[in-house]
Amino acid sequence: MGPPLPVPTQPAEPASGDTVTATAVLTNDCPFPLLNAVLHLINPRTTTAAKTVPLGDLRPGTKTTRRWETAIPADLAGDVSFTAHVVFDVNERSSDCARSAKTFTVPYEPNGVRDPYRTFATTDDAKFGQYGSQLVIWAGGRDFSGGTDEKAGIVLPGSAAESSVVQVETVSLTGSDNPPAKDGIAVANDLTAPEKGGYAVLT
């Protein structure tokens, strides 16, 4: 059990595009000093430290605070974390670490999609969004490619060759308590024209 290392942020619940000040608060509540301590401050969705701060030796009871500021990218949504990680020596033969993160959820909002993607819908009020490699669809509908044929999709024209590998990962599906609710990959001669056939639907 390492020393406490909370990471509050200001604002406490930021949105995409906000500038955030995160604060790492390290308190040595161990009965021994933290020797050669180094604090790493890590931005959301990154693996390398935005700042690396040598702290030296911290006696029991010592409290130290370090702040860093970053802007949440406009195309970042979902679970977002600001992380602090401290490593230190216990003595000449052993070392330890402590890690903590402030995690919050940035909501997805309809912001359209970018080239080369296209959108289409045969149901009312469909909306679309793109956050990095994540594609988001808000739509109702029923009877995919059948008589009613209500659906919404994000299309990558010409992406399926004679031999292709396509992979998607579903992060979230609301309305899944409704048996007809579907999400996944659809391949067709023309997704916007069901009468042209060639459908393969993977859900």
Protein backbone atom coordinates (compact mmCIF):
# COMPACT_ATOMS: atom_id res chain seq x y z
CA MET A 1 0.00 0.00 0.00
CA GLY A 2 1.75 3.14 -1.21
CA PRO A 3 1.31 6.72 -0.06
CA PRO A 4 -1.96 8.51 -1.00
CA LEU A 5 -1.81 10.41 -4.28
CA PRO A 6 -5.19 11.99 -5.19
CA VAL A 7 -5.50 13.89 -8.48
CA PRO A 8 -8.30 16.49 -8.34
CA THR A 9 -9.04 18.54 -11.46
CA GLN A 10 -10.41 21.98 -12.18
CA PRO A 11 -13.04 21.98 -13.59
CA ALA A 12 -14.14 18.83 -11.80
CA GLU A 13 -16.18 17.56 -14.77
CA PRO A 14 -14.59 19.00 -17.93
CA ALA A 15 -15.93 18.67 -21.46
CA SER A 16 -14.21 18.17 -24.81
CA GLY A 17 -12.03 21.17 -25.67
CA ASP A 18 -11.78 22.42 -22.06
CA THR A 19 -8.47 23.43 -20.55
CA VAL A 20 -7.98 21.44 -17.36
CA THR A 21 -5.67 21.99 -14.40
CA ALA A 22 -4.86 18.71 -12.66
CA THR A 23 -3.16 18.61 -9.26
CA ALA A 24 -1.19 15.68 -7.86
CA VAL A 25 -1.16 15.74 -4.05
CA LEU A 26 1.40 13.33 -2.60
CA THR A 27 1.50 12.74 1.16
CA ASN A 28 4.12 10.46 2.67
CA ASP A 29 2.12 8.66 5.36
CA CYS A 30 4.64 5.82 5.39
CA PRO A 31 6.79 5.23 8.50
CA PHE A 32 9.92 5.63 6.37
CA PRO A 33 11.22 8.30 3.97
CA LEU A 34 10.55 8.05 0.24
CA LEU A 35 14.03 8.15 -1.23
CA ASN A 36 14.87 9.53 -4.68
CA ALA A 37 11.17 10.04 -5.42
CA VAL A 38 10.18 10.92 -8.99
CA LEU A 39 6.66 12.00 -9.94
CA HIS A 40 5.24 11.37 -13.42
CA LEU A 41 2.19 13.40 -14.54
CA ILE A 42 0.28 11.77 -17.41
CA ASN A 43 -2.36 13.28 -19.69
CA PRO A 44 -5.50 11.43 -20.89
CA ARG A 45 -5.08 8.67 -23.48
CA THR A 46 -1.28 8.89 -23.42
CA THR A 47 1.35 6.49 -22.13
CA THR A 48 4.26 8.89 -21.64
CA ALA A 49 4.46 11.57 -18.97
CA ALA A 50 3.62 15.17 -19.80
CA LYS A 51 5.89 16.12 -16.90
CA THR A 52 8.52 14.24 -14.91
CA VAL A 53 9.32 15.90 -11.58
CA PRO A 54 12.25 14.77 -9.37
CA LEU A 55 11.18 15.20 -5.74
CA GLY A 56 14.27 13.95 -3.92
CA ASP A 57 13.83 12.44 -0.45
CA LEU A 58 10.48 12.93 1.30
CA ARG A 59 10.41 12.46 5.06
CA PRO A 60 7.38 10.89 6.80
CA GLY A 61 4.56 13.43 6.99
CA THR A 62 5.82 15.44 4.00
CA LYS A 63 3.13 16.71 1.64
CA THR A 64 3.95 17.97 -1.84
CA THR A 65 1.73 19.32 -4.61
CA ARG A 66 2.39 19.57 -8.33
CA ARG A 67 0.04 20.98 -10.96
CA TRP A 68 -0.09 20.61 -14.71
CA GLU A 69 -2.40 22.02 -17.34
CA THR A 70 -3.62 20.53 -20.58
CA ALA A 71 -6.47 20.95 -23.05
CA ILE A 72 -8.76 17.99 -23.68
CA PRO A 73 -8.77 17.47 -27.46
CA ALA A 74 -12.06 18.33 -29.12
CA ASP A 75 -12.23 14.81 -30.62
CA LEU A 76 -11.82 13.05 -27.26
CA ALA A 77 -14.84 11.60 -25.46
CA GLY A 78 -15.74 8.69 -23.20
CA ASP A 79 -13.73 7.79 -20.09
CA VAL A 80 -10.86 10.25 -19.61
CA SER A 81 -8.17 10.06 -16.90
CA PHE A 82 -5.47 12.34 -15.51
CA THR A 83 -2.87 10.14 -13.85
CA ALA A 84 -0.06 10.65 -11.33
CA HIS A 85 2.59 7.98 -10.78
CA VAL A 86 5.38 8.22 -8.22
CA VAL A 87 8.35 5.86 -7.94
CA PHE A 88 10.74 5.84 -4.99
CA ASP A 89 13.36 3.81 -3.16
CA VAL A 90 12.53 2.29 0.22
CA ASN A 91 16.16 1.50 0.95
CA GLU A 92 19.27 0.54 -0.98
CA ARG A 93 17.79 -2.81 -2.00
CA SER A 94 14.12 -2.19 -2.74
CA SER A 95 11.84 0.30 -4.43
CA ASP A 96 8.10 0.88 -4.68
CA CYS A 97 5.54 3.06 -6.41
CA ALA A 98 2.08 4.57 -6.08
CA ARG A 99 -0.38 5.47 -8.81
CA SER A 100 -3.68 7.31 -8.86
CA ALA A 101 -6.00 8.80 -11.47
CA LYS A 102 -8.94 11.16 -11.70
CA THR A 103 -11.37 9.64 -14.19
CA PHE A 104 -14.51 11.24 -15.56
CA THR A 105 -16.75 10.76 -18.56
CA VAL A 106 -16.80 13.27 -21.40
CA PRO A 107 -20.15 12.87 -23.20
CA TYR A 108 -20.32 12.09 -26.88
CA GLU A 109 -22.04 14.81 -28.90
CA PRO A 110 -23.08 14.79 -32.58
CA ASN A 111 -20.25 16.54 -34.43
CA GLY A 112 -20.47 14.95 -37.88
CA VAL A 113 -17.86 12.75 -39.55
CA ARG A 114 -14.79 13.61 -41.60
CA ASP A 115 -13.48 12.40 -44.95
CA PRO A 116 -13.34 9.70 -46.16
CA TYR A 117 -16.46 8.70 -44.20
CA ARG A 118 -19.99 9.39 -45.42
CA THR A 119 -23.34 9.11 -43.65
CA PHE A 120 -26.80 8.01 -44.68
CA ALA A 121 -30.11 7.30 -42.93
CA THR A 122 -33.56 5.99 -43.75
CA THR A 123 -34.91 6.87 -40.31
CA ASP A 124 -35.77 10.29 -38.95
CA ASP A 125 -33.53 12.37 -36.70
CA ALA A 126 -30.34 10.35 -37.20
CA LYS A 127 -27.18 12.05 -35.92
CA PHE A 128 -23.53 11.15 -36.31
CA GLY A 129 -20.21 11.82 -34.61
CA GLN A 130 -16.52 11.01 -34.91
CA TYR A 131 -14.03 11.04 -32.03
CA GLY A 132 -10.64 9.98 -33.32
CA SER A 133 -11.15 6.41 -34.56
CA GLN A 134 -14.50 6.10 -32.76
CA LEU A 135 -17.65 6.52 -34.86
CA VAL A 136 -20.97 7.30 -33.17
CA ILE A 137 -24.55 6.95 -34.47
CA TRP A 138 -27.72 8.16 -32.76
CA ALA A 139 -30.75 6.68 -34.54
CA GLY A 140 -33.91 4.67 -34.16
CA GLY A 141 -35.27 2.33 -36.79
CA ARG A 142 -36.46 -1.20 -37.42
CA ASP A 143 -36.47 -3.99 -39.99
CA PHE A 144 -32.96 -3.52 -41.40
CA SER A 145 -33.00 -3.98 -45.20
CA GLY A 146 -36.51 -5.41 -45.07
CA GLY A 147 -39.84 -3.92 -46.03
CA THR A 148 -39.58 -1.00 -43.59
CA ASP A 149 -35.78 -0.68 -43.79
CA GLU A 150 -35.14 1.97 -41.14
CA LYS A 151 -31.47 2.40 -40.34
CA ALA A 152 -28.57 4.81 -40.11
CA GLY A 153 -24.98 4.17 -41.03
CA ILE A 154 -21.51 5.58 -41.49
CA VAL A 155 -20.10 4.45 -44.81
CA LEU A 156 -16.55 4.04 -46.06
CA PRO A 157 -17.08 3.75 -49.83
CA GLY A 158 -14.97 1.22 -51.70
CA SER A 159 -13.35 -0.12 -48.53
CA ALA A 160 -14.26 -3.79 -49.09
CA ALA A 161 -12.18 -5.37 -51.84
CA GLU A 162 -12.62 -8.89 -53.22
CA SER A 163 -10.72 -10.14 -50.18
CA SER A 164 -10.88 -7.94 -47.10
CA VAL A 165 -10.57 -7.98 -43.33
CA VAL A 166 -12.80 -5.52 -41.48
CA GLN A 167 -12.86 -5.15 -37.71
CA VAL A 168 -14.89 -2.97 -35.36
CA GLU A 169 -15.30 -2.92 -31.59
CA THR A 170 -18.64 -1.91 -30.10
CA VAL A 171 -18.07 0.36 -27.11
CA SER A 172 -21.72 0.93 -26.26
CA LEU A 173 -25.20 0.12 -27.58
CA THR A 174 -28.29 1.62 -25.98
CA GLY A 175 -31.67 0.13 -26.69
CA SER A 176 -30.13 -3.35 -26.57
CA ASP A 177 -33.14 -4.51 -24.51
CA ASN A 178 -35.07 -4.20 -27.78
CA PRO A 179 -34.55 -7.47 -29.74
CA PRO A 180 -34.31 -5.74 -33.17
CA ALA A 181 -31.58 -3.35 -31.95
CA LYS A 182 -28.39 -4.04 -33.91
CA ASP A 183 -24.94 -2.64 -34.44
CA GLY A 184 -21.91 -3.89 -36.30
CA ILE A 185 -20.61 -4.17 -39.86
CA ALA A 186 -22.73 -4.22 -43.00
CA VAL A 187 -21.27 -4.85 -46.46
CA ALA A 188 -23.30 -4.37 -49.64
CA ASN A 189 -23.02 -3.41 -53.29
CA ASP A 190 -24.51 -0.08 -52.21
CA LEU A 191 -25.61 0.39 -48.60
CA THR A 192 -27.70 3.38 -49.60
CA ALA A 193 -29.63 1.30 -52.16
CA PRO A 194 -30.82 -2.04 -50.68
CA GLU A 195 -32.34 -3.10 -54.00
CA LYS A 196 -28.81 -3.54 -55.39
CA GLY A 197 -28.28 -6.50 -53.05
CA GLY A 198 -25.06 -8.08 -51.92
CA TYR A 199 -25.77 -7.69 -48.21
CA ALA A 200 -23.71 -9.21 -45.43
CA VAL A 201 -24.58 -8.00 -41.93
CA LEU A 202 -22.37 -8.89 -38.95
CA THR A 203 -23.84 -7.90 -35.58
